[in-house]
Amino acid sequence: MNTKTKIIPLADRVLVKPGNPKDSMKTKSGIIIPDTASKDIPEMGEVLAVGEGKMLDNGEIIPVKVKVGDLVLFSKYGPDEVKIDDEKYFIIREEAILAVVK
């Protein structure tokens, strides 16, 4: 993300840069499969920023469980796509994040 623009998600939202750092998968025989080949798998990306957390009716805030730098899988239909400084990012509610990739 360009240093000119700083995005701070609100509530339980997370800012994610889409993509897998590996960018493609390789079969055992050496064939490279681009990440665009399978559109039915969940999306993946790196967490760049997180909001404070979800506010309950009693005013208590439940912090977001993911942290900056985490690689996450999220529902294909869960994120809102935004373009910032000519780059694509997703803003995702924590509940749309399916898993953290370790």
PDB file of N, CA and C in Angstrom:
ATOM      1  N   MET A   1       0.847  -1.166   0.000  1.00  0.00           N
ATOM      2  CA  MET A   1       0.000   0.000   0.000  1.00  0.00           C
ATOM      3  C   MET A   1       0.895   1.232   0.000  1.00  0.00           C
ATOM      4  N   ASN A   2       0.512   2.212  -0.756  1.00  0.00           N
ATOM      5  CA  ASN A   2       1.255   3.452  -0.852  1.00  0.00           C
ATOM      6  C   ASN A   2       1.223   4.174   0.492  1.00  0.00           C
ATOM      7  N   THR A   3       2.326   4.829   0.848  1.00  0.00           N
ATOM      8  CA  THR A   3       2.384   5.520   2.132  1.00  0.00           C
ATOM      9  C   THR A   3       1.535   6.786   2.150  1.00  0.00           C
ATOM     10  N   LYS A   4       1.033   7.229   1.003  1.00  0.00           N
ATOM     11  CA  LYS A   4       0.188   8.425   0.953  1.00  0.00           C
ATOM     12  C   LYS A   4      -1.163   8.175   1.603  1.00  0.00           C
ATOM     13  N   THR A   5      -1.685   6.993   1.490  1.00  0.00           N
ATOM     14  CA  THR A   5      -3.017   6.683   1.975  1.00  0.00           C
ATOM     15  C   THR A   5      -2.939   5.691   3.123  1.00  0.00           C
ATOM     16  N   LYS A   6      -3.619   6.015   4.221  1.00  0.00           N
ATOM     17  CA  LYS A   6      -3.668   5.096   5.359  1.00  0.00           C
ATOM     18  C   LYS A   6      -5.122   4.716   5.589  1.00  0.00           C
ATOM     19  N   ILE A   7      -5.405   3.428   5.603  1.00  0.00           N
ATOM     20  CA  ILE A   7      -6.748   2.914   5.799  1.00  0.00           C
ATOM     21  C   ILE A   7      -6.821   2.265   7.175  1.00  0.00           C
ATOM     22  N   ILE A   8      -7.791   2.701   7.977  1.00  0.00           N
ATOM     23  CA  ILE A   8      -8.011   2.114   9.292  1.00  0.00           C
ATOM     24  C   ILE A   8      -9.426   1.548   9.299  1.00  0.00           C
ATOM     25  N   PRO A   9      -9.565   0.223   9.276  1.00  0.00           N
ATOM     26  CA  PRO A   9     -10.901  -0.386   9.281  1.00  0.00           C
ATOM     27  C   PRO A   9     -11.656  -0.062  10.571  1.00  0.00           C
ATOM     28  N   LEU A  10     -12.968   0.006  10.468  1.00  0.00           N
ATOM     29  CA  LEU A  10     -13.810   0.257  11.629  1.00  0.00           C
ATOM     30  C   LEU A  10     -14.405  -1.043  12.146  1.00  0.00           C
ATOM     31  N   ALA A  11     -14.727  -1.050  13.433  1.00  0.00           N
ATOM     32  CA  ALA A  11     -15.404  -2.167  14.103  1.00  0.00           C
ATOM     33  C   ALA A  11     -14.646  -3.481  13.879  1.00  0.00           C
ATOM     34  N   ASP A  12     -15.355  -4.521  13.402  1.00  0.00           N
ATOM     35  CA  ASP A  12     -14.743  -5.848  13.239  1.00  0.00           C
ATOM     36  C   ASP A  12     -14.312  -6.090  11.798  1.00  0.00           C
ATOM     37  N   ARG A  13     -13.962  -5.035  11.096  1.00  0.00           N
ATOM     38  CA  ARG A  13     -13.529  -5.172   9.703  1.00  0.00           C
ATOM     39  C   ARG A  13     -12.012  -5.288   9.626  1.00  0.00           C
ATOM     40  N   VAL A  14     -11.559  -5.927   8.536  1.00  0.00           N
ATOM     41  CA  VAL A  14     -10.138  -6.203   8.326  1.00  0.00           C
ATOM     42  C   VAL A  14      -9.788  -5.783   6.906  1.00  0.00           C
ATOM     43  N   LEU A  15      -8.657  -5.109   6.726  1.00  0.00           N
ATOM     44  CA  LEU A  15      -8.160  -4.735   5.400  1.00  0.00           C
ATOM     45  C   LEU A  15      -7.197  -5.817   4.933  1.00  0.00           C
ATOM     46  N   VAL A  16      -7.475  -6.390   3.755  1.00  0.00           N
ATOM     47  CA  VAL A  16      -6.688  -7.515   3.240  1.00  0.00           C
ATOM     48  C   VAL A  16      -6.187  -7.194   1.837  1.00  0.00           C
ATOM     49  N   LYS A  17      -4.910  -7.477   1.602  1.00  0.00           N
ATOM     50  CA  LYS A  17      -4.362  -7.404   0.249  1.00  0.00           C
ATOM     51  C   LYS A  17      -4.543  -8.793  -0.358  1.00  0.00           C
ATOM     52  N   PRO A  18      -5.334  -8.899  -1.435  1.00  0.00           N
ATOM     53  CA  PRO A  18      -5.632 -10.220  -1.992  1.00  0.00           C
ATOM     54  C   PRO A  18      -4.423 -10.883  -2.623  1.00  0.00           C
ATOM     55  N   GLY A  19      -4.468 -12.211  -2.637  1.00  0.00           N
ATOM     56  CA  GLY A  19      -3.437 -12.996  -3.301  1.00  0.00           C
ATOM     57  C   GLY A  19      -2.714 -13.906  -2.351  1.00  0.00           C
ATOM     58  N   ASN A  20      -2.163 -14.940  -2.915  1.00  0.00           N
ATOM     59  CA  ASN A  20      -1.365 -15.907  -2.184  1.00  0.00           C
ATOM     60  C   ASN A  20       0.090 -15.565  -2.454  1.00  0.00           C
ATOM     61  N   PRO A  21       0.918 -15.466  -1.424  1.00  0.00           N
ATOM     62  CA  PRO A  21       2.318 -15.155  -1.663  1.00  0.00           C
ATOM     63  C   PRO A  21       2.998 -16.117  -2.636  1.00  0.00           C
ATOM     64  N   LYS A  22       2.493 -17.350  -2.724  1.00  0.00           N
ATOM     65  CA  LYS A  22       3.074 -18.318  -3.655  1.00  0.00           C
ATOM     66  C   LYS A  22       2.588 -18.073  -5.079  1.00  0.00           C
ATOM     67  N   ASP A  23       1.438 -17.351  -5.207  1.00  0.00           N
ATOM     68  CA  ASP A  23       0.836 -16.959  -6.488  1.00  0.00           C
ATOM     69  C   ASP A  23       0.435 -18.095  -7.414  1.00  0.00           C
ATOM     70  N   SER A  24       0.911 -19.286  -7.214  1.00  0.00           N
ATOM     71  CA  SER A  24       0.493 -20.407  -8.042  1.00  0.00           C
ATOM     72  C   SER A  24       0.809 -21.697  -7.304  1.00  0.00           C
ATOM     73  N   MET A  25       0.219 -22.761  -7.775  1.00  0.00           N
ATOM     74  CA  MET A  25       0.491 -24.074  -7.193  1.00  0.00           C
ATOM     75  C   MET A  25       1.207 -24.910  -8.237  1.00  0.00           C
ATOM     76  N   LYS A  26       2.011 -25.865  -7.780  1.00  0.00           N
ATOM     77  CA  LYS A  26       2.743 -26.736  -8.680  1.00  0.00           C
ATOM     78  C   LYS A  26       2.352 -28.170  -8.383  1.00  0.00           C
ATOM     79  N   THR A  27       2.023 -28.924  -9.426  1.00  0.00           N
ATOM     80  CA  THR A  27       1.680 -30.330  -9.242  1.00  0.00           C
ATOM     81  C   THR A  27       2.952 -31.132  -9.016  1.00  0.00           C
ATOM     82  N   LYS A  28       2.786 -32.404  -8.613  1.00  0.00           N
ATOM     83  CA  LYS A  28       3.947 -33.265  -8.381  1.00  0.00           C
ATOM     84  C   LYS A  28       4.789 -33.437  -9.640  1.00  0.00           C
ATOM     85  N   SER A  29       4.131 -33.382 -10.809  1.00  0.00           N
ATOM     86  CA  SER A  29       4.870 -33.553 -12.064  1.00  0.00           C
ATOM     87  C   SER A  29       5.507 -32.256 -12.555  1.00  0.00           C
ATOM     88  N   GLY A  30       5.311 -31.158 -11.806  1.00  0.00           N
ATOM     89  CA  GLY A  30       5.966 -29.907 -12.169  1.00  0.00           C
ATOM     90  C   GLY A  30       5.108 -28.934 -12.960  1.00  0.00           C
ATOM     91  N   ILE A  31       3.851 -29.274 -13.203  1.00  0.00           N
ATOM     92  CA  ILE A  31       2.970 -28.365 -13.936  1.00  0.00           C
ATOM     93  C   ILE A  31       2.527 -27.257 -12.998  1.00  0.00           C
ATOM     94  N   ILE A  32       2.679 -25.998 -13.424  1.00  0.00           N
ATOM     95  CA  ILE A  32       2.294 -24.855 -12.611  1.00  0.00           C
ATOM     96  C   ILE A  32       0.849 -24.489 -12.925  1.00  0.00           C
ATOM     97  N   ILE A  33       0.042 -24.421 -11.871  1.00  0.00           N
ATOM     98  CA  ILE A  33      -1.373 -24.068 -12.007  1.00  0.00           C
ATOM     99  C   ILE A  33      -1.552 -22.664 -11.445  1.00  0.00           C
ATOM    100  N   PRO A  34      -1.922 -21.679 -12.270  1.00  0.00           N
ATOM    101  CA  PRO A  34      -2.096 -20.318 -11.749  1.00  0.00           C
ATOM    102  C   PRO A  34      -3.253 -20.255 -10.767  1.00  0.00           C
ATOM    103  N   ASP A  35      -3.188 -19.291  -9.834  1.00  0.00           N
ATOM    104  CA  ASP A  35      -4.231 -19.183  -8.824  1.00  0.00           C
ATOM    105  C   ASP A  35      -5.587 -18.830  -9.406  1.00  0.00           C
ATOM    106  N   THR A  36      -5.637 -18.377 -10.640  1.00  0.00           N
ATOM    107  CA  THR A  36      -6.912 -18.039 -11.278  1.00  0.00           C
ATOM    108  C   THR A  36      -7.611 -19.265 -11.855  1.00  0.00           C
ATOM    109  N   ALA A  37      -6.963 -20.422 -11.847  1.00  0.00           N
ATOM    110  CA  ALA A  37      -7.527 -21.621 -12.460  1.00  0.00           C
ATOM    111  C   ALA A  37      -8.734 -22.160 -11.698  1.00  0.00           C
ATOM    112  N   SER A  38      -8.745 -22.008 -10.396  1.00  0.00           N
ATOM    113  CA  SER A  38      -9.858 -22.535  -9.609  1.00  0.00           C
ATOM    114  C   SER A  38     -10.581 -21.393  -8.916  1.00  0.00           C
ATOM    115  N   LYS A  39     -11.756 -21.079  -9.386  1.00  0.00           N
ATOM    116  CA  LYS A  39     -12.519 -19.973  -8.821  1.00  0.00           C
ATOM    117  C   LYS A  39     -13.459 -20.417  -7.708  1.00  0.00           C
ATOM    118  N   ASP A  40     -13.567 -21.718  -7.442  1.00  0.00           N
ATOM    119  CA  ASP A  40     -14.489 -22.196  -6.425  1.00  0.00           C
ATOM    120  C   ASP A  40     -13.852 -22.325  -5.050  1.00  0.00           C
ATOM    121  N   ILE A  41     -12.546 -22.130  -4.946  1.00  0.00           N
ATOM    122  CA  ILE A  41     -11.906 -22.214  -3.648  1.00  0.00           C
ATOM    123  C   ILE A  41     -11.989 -20.853  -2.956  1.00  0.00           C
ATOM    124  N   PRO A  42     -11.888 -20.813  -1.629  1.00  0.00           N
ATOM    125  CA  PRO A  42     -11.933 -19.527  -0.933  1.00  0.00           C
ATOM    126  C   PRO A  42     -10.779 -18.631  -1.371  1.00  0.00           C
ATOM    127  N   GLU A  43     -10.964 -17.347  -1.208  1.00  0.00           N
ATOM    128  CA  GLU A  43      -9.937 -16.372  -1.526  1.00  0.00           C
ATOM    129  C   GLU A  43      -8.902 -16.345  -0.405  1.00  0.00           C
ATOM    130  N   MET A  44      -7.712 -15.812  -0.717  1.00  0.00           N
ATOM    131  CA  MET A  44      -6.643 -15.744   0.255  1.00  0.00           C
ATOM    132  C   MET A  44      -6.005 -14.370   0.185  1.00  0.00           C
ATOM    133  N   GLY A  45      -5.496 -13.885   1.301  1.00  0.00           N
ATOM    134  CA  GLY A  45      -4.809 -12.610   1.299  1.00  0.00           C
ATOM    135  C   GLY A  45      -4.123 -12.339   2.621  1.00  0.00           C
ATOM    136  N   GLU A  46      -3.335 -11.262   2.629  1.00  0.00           N
ATOM    137  CA  GLU A  46      -2.583 -10.857   3.817  1.00  0.00           C
ATOM    138  C   GLU A  46      -3.295  -9.717   4.524  1.00  0.00           C
ATOM    139  N   VAL A  47      -3.413  -9.831   5.840  1.00  0.00           N
ATOM    140  CA  VAL A  47      -4.048  -8.793   6.646  1.00  0.00           C
ATOM    141  C   VAL A  47      -3.094  -7.611   6.765  1.00  0.00           C
ATOM    142  N   LEU A  48      -3.586  -6.416   6.378  1.00  0.00           N
ATOM    143  CA  LEU A  48      -2.782  -5.193   6.450  1.00  0.00           C
ATOM    144  C   LEU A  48      -3.174  -4.305   7.621  1.00  0.00           C
ATOM    145  N   ALA A  49      -4.438  -4.365   8.033  1.00  0.00           N
ATOM    146  CA  ALA A  49      -4.921  -3.541   9.156  1.00  0.00           C
ATOM    147  C   ALA A  49      -6.184  -4.174   9.715  1.00  0.00           C
ATOM    148  N   VAL A  50      -6.431  -3.940  11.004  1.00  0.00           N
ATOM    149  CA  VAL A  50      -7.643  -4.467  11.646  1.00  0.00           C
ATOM    150  C   VAL A  50      -8.330  -3.369  12.441  1.00  0.00           C
ATOM    151  N   GLY A  51      -9.647  -3.488  12.557  1.00  0.00           N
ATOM    152  CA  GLY A  51     -10.420  -2.552  13.368  1.00  0.00           C
ATOM    153  C   GLY A  51     -10.319  -2.907  14.841  1.00  0.00           C
ATOM    154  N   GLU A  52     -10.974  -2.086  15.683  1.00  0.00           N
ATOM    155  CA  GLU A  52     -10.941  -2.295  17.135  1.00  0.00           C
ATOM    156  C   GLU A  52     -11.620  -3.582  17.559  1.00  0.00           C
ATOM    157  N   GLY A  53     -12.699  -3.923  16.884  1.00  0.00           N
ATOM    158  CA  GLY A  53     -13.450  -5.110  17.236  1.00  0.00           C
ATOM    159  C   GLY A  53     -14.937  -4.844  17.190  1.00  0.00           C
ATOM    160  N   LYS A  54     -15.702  -5.890  17.432  1.00  0.00           N
ATOM    161  CA  LYS A  54     -17.162  -5.806  17.373  1.00  0.00           C
ATOM    162  C   LYS A  54     -17.705  -5.299  18.699  1.00  0.00           C
ATOM    163  N   MET A  55     -18.585  -4.282  18.622  1.00  0.00           N
ATOM    164  CA  MET A  55     -19.198  -3.751  19.836  1.00  0.00           C
ATOM    165  C   MET A  55     -20.513  -4.473  20.118  1.00  0.00           C
ATOM    166  N   LEU A  56     -20.621  -4.992  21.328  1.00  0.00           N
ATOM    167  CA  LEU A  56     -21.840  -5.658  21.759  1.00  0.00           C
ATOM    168  C   LEU A  56     -22.862  -4.620  22.210  1.00  0.00           C
ATOM    169  N   ASP A  57     -24.097  -5.055  22.408  1.00  0.00           N
ATOM    170  CA  ASP A  57     -25.169  -4.155  22.833  1.00  0.00           C
ATOM    171  C   ASP A  57     -24.874  -3.474  24.164  1.00  0.00           C
ATOM    172  N   ASN A  58     -24.106  -4.139  25.035  1.00  0.00           N
ATOM    173  CA  ASN A  58     -23.785  -3.559  26.344  1.00  0.00           C
ATOM    174  C   ASN A  58     -22.571  -2.624  26.296  1.00  0.00           C
ATOM    175  N   GLY A  59     -22.023  -2.383  25.092  1.00  0.00           N
ATOM    176  CA  GLY A  59     -20.887  -1.473  24.939  1.00  0.00           C
ATOM    177  C   GLY A  59     -19.529  -2.143  25.002  1.00  0.00           C
ATOM    178  N   GLU A  60     -19.492  -3.407  25.358  1.00  0.00           N
ATOM    179  CA  GLU A  60     -18.233  -4.147  25.415  1.00  0.00           C
ATOM    180  C   GLU A  60     -17.724  -4.388  23.990  1.00  0.00           C
ATOM    181  N   ILE A  61     -16.398  -4.279  23.811  1.00  0.00           N
ATOM    182  CA  ILE A  61     -15.791  -4.513  22.498  1.00  0.00           C
ATOM    183  C   ILE A  61     -15.059  -5.844  22.521  1.00  0.00           C
ATOM    184  N   ILE A  62     -15.393  -6.714  21.564  1.00  0.00           N
ATOM    185  CA  ILE A  62     -14.705  -7.997  21.393  1.00  0.00           C
ATOM    186  C   ILE A  62     -13.619  -7.769  20.343  1.00  0.00           C
ATOM    187  N   PRO A  63     -12.330  -7.867  20.707  1.00  0.00           N
ATOM    188  CA  PRO A  63     -11.257  -7.600  19.745  1.00  0.00           C
ATOM    189  C   PRO A  63     -11.249  -8.590  18.579  1.00  0.00           C
ATOM    190  N   VAL A  64     -10.735  -8.137  17.450  1.00  0.00           N
ATOM    191  CA  VAL A  64     -10.586  -8.979  16.265  1.00  0.00           C
ATOM    192  C   VAL A  64      -9.485  -9.992  16.547  1.00  0.00           C
ATOM    193  N   LYS A  65      -9.713 -11.248  16.129  1.00  0.00           N
ATOM    194  CA  LYS A  65      -8.766 -12.335  16.439  1.00  0.00           C
ATOM    195  C   LYS A  65      -7.579 -12.402  15.485  1.00  0.00           C
ATOM    196  N   VAL A  66      -7.715 -11.879  14.266  1.00  0.00           N
ATOM    197  CA  VAL A  66      -6.584 -11.900  13.338  1.00  0.00           C
ATOM    198  C   VAL A  66      -5.725 -10.665  13.577  1.00  0.00           C
ATOM    199  N   LYS A  67      -4.471 -10.746  13.129  1.00  0.00           N
ATOM    200  CA  LYS A  67      -3.564  -9.611  13.324  1.00  0.00           C
ATOM    201  C   LYS A  67      -2.855  -9.270  12.018  1.00  0.00           C
ATOM    202  N   VAL A  68      -2.286  -8.095  11.977  1.00  0.00           N
ATOM    203  CA  VAL A  68      -1.555  -7.637  10.800  1.00  0.00           C
ATOM    204  C   VAL A  68      -0.461  -8.657  10.477  1.00  0.00           C
ATOM    205  N   GLY A  69      -0.373  -9.016   9.196  1.00  0.00           N
ATOM    206  CA  GLY A  69       0.624  -9.980   8.747  1.00  0.00           C
ATOM    207  C   GLY A  69       0.078 -11.389   8.573  1.00  0.00           C
ATOM    208  N   ASP A  70      -1.089 -11.687   9.172  1.00  0.00           N
ATOM    209  CA  ASP A  70      -1.690 -13.017   9.027  1.00  0.00           C
ATOM    210  C   ASP A  70      -2.105 -13.250   7.575  1.00  0.00           C
ATOM    211  N   LEU A  71      -1.937 -14.473   7.114  1.00  0.00           N
ATOM    212  CA  LEU A  71      -2.447 -14.899   5.815  1.00  0.00           C
ATOM    213  C   LEU A  71      -3.775 -15.587   6.094  1.00  0.00           C
ATOM    214  N   VAL A  72      -4.855 -15.093   5.485  1.00  0.00           N
ATOM    215  CA  VAL A  72      -6.185 -15.594   5.803  1.00  0.00           C
ATOM    216  C   VAL A  72      -6.912 -16.104   4.570  1.00  0.00           C
ATOM    217  N   LEU A  73      -7.805 -17.070   4.800  1.00  0.00           N
ATOM    218  CA  LEU A  73      -8.751 -17.537   3.790  1.00  0.00           C
ATOM    219  C   LEU A  73     -10.086 -16.889   4.118  1.00  0.00           C
ATOM    220  N   PHE A  74     -10.786 -16.413   3.091  1.00  0.00           N
ATOM    221  CA  PHE A  74     -12.068 -15.783   3.330  1.00  0.00           C
ATOM    222  C   PHE A  74     -13.051 -16.162   2.241  1.00  0.00           C
ATOM    223  N   SER A  75     -14.315 -16.029   2.570  1.00  0.00           N
ATOM    224  CA  SER A  75     -15.380 -16.357   1.641  1.00  0.00           C
ATOM    225  C   SER A  75     -15.282 -15.498   0.386  1.00  0.00           C
ATOM    226  N   LYS A  76     -15.461 -16.138  -0.744  1.00  0.00           N
ATOM    227  CA  LYS A  76     -15.386 -15.459  -2.037  1.00  0.00           C
ATOM    228  C   LYS A  76     -16.386 -14.313  -2.128  1.00  0.00           C
ATOM    229  N   TYR A  77     -17.524 -14.455  -1.469  1.00  0.00           N
ATOM    230  CA  TYR A  77     -18.581 -13.454  -1.551  1.00  0.00           C
ATOM    231  C   TYR A  77     -18.628 -12.545  -0.329  1.00  0.00           C
ATOM    232  N   GLY A  78     -17.672 -12.682   0.591  1.00  0.00           N
ATOM    233  CA  GLY A  78     -17.684 -11.898   1.829  1.00  0.00           C
ATOM    234  C   GLY A  78     -17.095 -10.502   1.757  1.00  0.00           C
ATOM    235  N   PRO A  79     -16.086 -10.255   0.927  1.00  0.00           N
ATOM    236  CA  PRO A  79     -15.413  -8.957   1.003  1.00  0.00           C
ATOM    237  C   PRO A  79     -16.051  -7.857   0.151  1.00  0.00           C
ATOM    238  N   ASP A  80     -15.754  -6.632   0.551  1.00  0.00           N
ATOM    239  CA  ASP A  80     -16.054  -5.462  -0.274  1.00  0.00           C
ATOM    240  C   ASP A  80     -14.738  -5.061  -0.925  1.00  0.00           C
ATOM    241  N   GLU A  81     -14.736  -4.983  -2.245  1.00  0.00           N
ATOM    242  CA  GLU A  81     -13.515  -4.636  -2.978  1.00  0.00           C
ATOM    243  C   GLU A  81     -13.373  -3.123  -3.037  1.00  0.00           C
ATOM    244  N   VAL A  82     -12.167  -2.638  -2.739  1.00  0.00           N
ATOM    245  CA  VAL A  82     -11.868  -1.217  -2.844  1.00  0.00           C
ATOM    246  C   VAL A  82     -10.568  -1.045  -3.624  1.00  0.00           C
ATOM    247  N   LYS A  83     -10.447   0.073  -4.299  1.00  0.00           N
ATOM    248  CA  LYS A  83      -9.221   0.383  -5.034  1.00  0.00           C
ATOM    249  C   LYS A  83      -8.595   1.606  -4.382  1.00  0.00           C
ATOM    250  N   ILE A  84      -7.365   1.457  -3.927  1.00  0.00           N
ATOM    251  CA  ILE A  84      -6.647   2.523  -3.247  1.00  0.00           C
ATOM    252  C   ILE A  84      -5.307   2.700  -3.934  1.00  0.00           C
ATOM    253  N   ASP A  85      -5.042   3.907  -4.399  1.00  0.00           N
ATOM    254  CA  ASP A  85      -3.779   4.192  -5.096  1.00  0.00           C
ATOM    255  C   ASP A  85      -3.511   3.165  -6.191  1.00  0.00           C
ATOM    256  N   ASP A  86      -4.543   2.848  -6.995  1.00  0.00           N
ATOM    257  CA  ASP A  86      -4.464   1.926  -8.128  1.00  0.00           C
ATOM    258  C   ASP A  86      -4.155   0.482  -7.751  1.00  0.00           C
ATOM    259  N   GLU A  87      -4.373   0.104  -6.490  1.00  0.00           N
ATOM    260  CA  GLU A  87      -4.213  -1.295  -6.075  1.00  0.00           C
ATOM    261  C   GLU A  87      -5.523  -1.796  -5.496  1.00  0.00           C
ATOM    262  N   LYS A  88      -5.810  -3.091  -5.701  1.00  0.00           N
ATOM    263  CA  LYS A  88      -7.048  -3.702  -5.215  1.00  0.00           C
ATOM    264  C   LYS A  88      -6.843  -4.245  -3.802  1.00  0.00           C
ATOM    265  N   TYR A  89      -7.816  -3.948  -2.931  1.00  0.00           N
ATOM    266  CA  TYR A  89      -7.824  -4.444  -1.556  1.00  0.00           C
ATOM    267  C   TYR A  89      -9.234  -4.908  -1.234  1.00  0.00           C
ATOM    268  N   PHE A  90      -9.351  -5.669  -0.150  1.00  0.00           N
ATOM    269  CA  PHE A  90     -10.652  -6.087   0.338  1.00  0.00           C
ATOM    270  C   PHE A  90     -10.834  -5.584   1.764  1.00  0.00           C
ATOM    271  N   ILE A  91     -12.046  -5.151   2.069  1.00  0.00           N
ATOM    272  CA  ILE A  91     -12.430  -4.883   3.451  1.00  0.00           C
ATOM    273  C   ILE A  91     -13.444  -5.966   3.802  1.00  0.00           C
ATOM    274  N   ILE A  92     -13.112  -6.721   4.847  1.00  0.00           N
ATOM    275  CA  ILE A  92     -13.863  -7.936   5.182  1.00  0.00           C
ATOM    276  C   ILE A  92     -14.278  -7.899   6.646  1.00  0.00           C
ATOM    277  N   ARG A  93     -15.510  -8.284   6.920  1.00  0.00           N
ATOM    278  CA  ARG A  93     -15.924  -8.471   8.320  1.00  0.00           C
ATOM    279  C   ARG A  93     -15.232  -9.727   8.855  1.00  0.00           C
ATOM    280  N   GLU A  94     -14.887  -9.697  10.120  1.00  0.00           N
ATOM    281  CA  GLU A  94     -14.191 -10.847  10.705  1.00  0.00           C
ATOM    282  C   GLU A  94     -14.967 -12.142  10.518  1.00  0.00           C
ATOM    283  N   GLU A  95     -16.288 -12.088  10.560  1.00  0.00           N
ATOM    284  CA  GLU A  95     -17.095 -13.306  10.432  1.00  0.00           C
ATOM    285  C   GLU A  95     -16.971 -13.944   9.044  1.00  0.00           C
ATOM    286  N   ALA A  96     -16.496 -13.199   8.022  1.00  0.00           N
ATOM    287  CA  ALA A  96     -16.311 -13.755   6.685  1.00  0.00           C
ATOM    288  C   ALA A  96     -14.935 -14.409   6.518  1.00  0.00           C
ATOM    289  N   ILE A  97     -14.070 -14.254   7.529  1.00  0.00           N
ATOM    290  CA  ILE A  97     -12.754 -14.894   7.486  1.00  0.00           C
ATOM    291  C   ILE A  97     -12.936 -16.331   7.947  1.00  0.00           C
ATOM    292  N   LEU A  98     -12.511 -17.272   7.105  1.00  0.00           N
ATOM    293  CA  LEU A  98     -12.708 -18.682   7.383  1.00  0.00           C
ATOM    294  C   LEU A  98     -11.583 -19.314   8.200  1.00  0.00           C
ATOM    295  N   ALA A  99     -10.338 -18.849   7.950  1.00  0.00           N
ATOM    296  CA  ALA A  99      -9.197 -19.482   8.623  1.00  0.00           C
ATOM    297  C   ALA A  99      -7.945 -18.625   8.480  1.00  0.00           C
ATOM    298  N   VAL A 100      -6.989 -18.859   9.368  1.00  0.00           N
ATOM    299  CA  VAL A 100      -5.657 -18.278   9.267  1.00  0.00           C
ATOM    300  C   VAL A 100      -4.743 -19.378   8.749  1.00  0.00           C
ATOM    301  N   VAL A 101      -3.946 -19.066   7.727  1.00  0.00           N
ATOM    302  CA  VAL A 101      -3.032 -20.042   7.135  1.00  0.00           C
ATOM    303  C   VAL A 101      -1.680 -19.923   7.850  1.00  0.00           C
ATOM    304  N   LYS A 102      -1.204 -21.046   8.372  1.00  0.00           N
ATOM    305  CA  LYS A 102       0.091 -21.071   9.079  1.00  0.00           C
ATOM    306  C   LYS A 102       1.122 -21.782   8.247  1.00  0.00           C
TER     307      LYS A 102
END
